């Protein structure tokens, strides 16, 4: 194994501590739409996916269309909650270390560009990633398809097998594997067994630099 030429970070739950907020709001909105959901069920079924894939799956379960404005109301509540958004503990130090040793990194998220920009700006990470941000909006097929990660590596000029992905969702781990990339599963909120196909699994961001160094 060689040290990666590119580290690709997921956003929600990996860089910014937003997964609990986002999945709680989603569960509330789906329940209001007539499809009862708990927070835990929203995490199980939708964490790591795009809003497009969420709508497709939820409408199949409901057997009817979701409200046309559900995504707008979701993002309105989400951005209101972002006022108190914080970085994932320890990730600032990880980015500082990558900057110090010259390791290239970028972001590839199922979120919209607006959501990514709002979150990164809130926690002070926008300048670190500006110009190196890739959204599911940029590709035809989101996670678990490999398209997003392959788009990121191609744009950054790095071969897939020279990349490492940092992900916290089963969909993201599956997408990285499909792209032929090594992937570190961050199991802070996700059960380890759901990330079992990752190259390595960790639960504390302070473990990540050693994993990258030995990748």
Foldseek 3Di string as FASTA:
>chain_A
DAQFLEEEEEPDPTWKPQLQVLLQLVQVLLVVQVRHDDSVRSQVPPPQAAPVVVQVVSCVVVVHHGPPCSVVVSVVSSLVVLLPMETDPPVVVVLVVCVVVVRHYEYEGQYDPVVRCSNCVNHVNCVVHVPQYFYPVVDDDGFPALVRVVVSCVVVVHQQQSYEYEEAALRPLNNSVNSVHAYEHAPCPPDCVSNVSHPYYDDDSVCPVVVSRVD
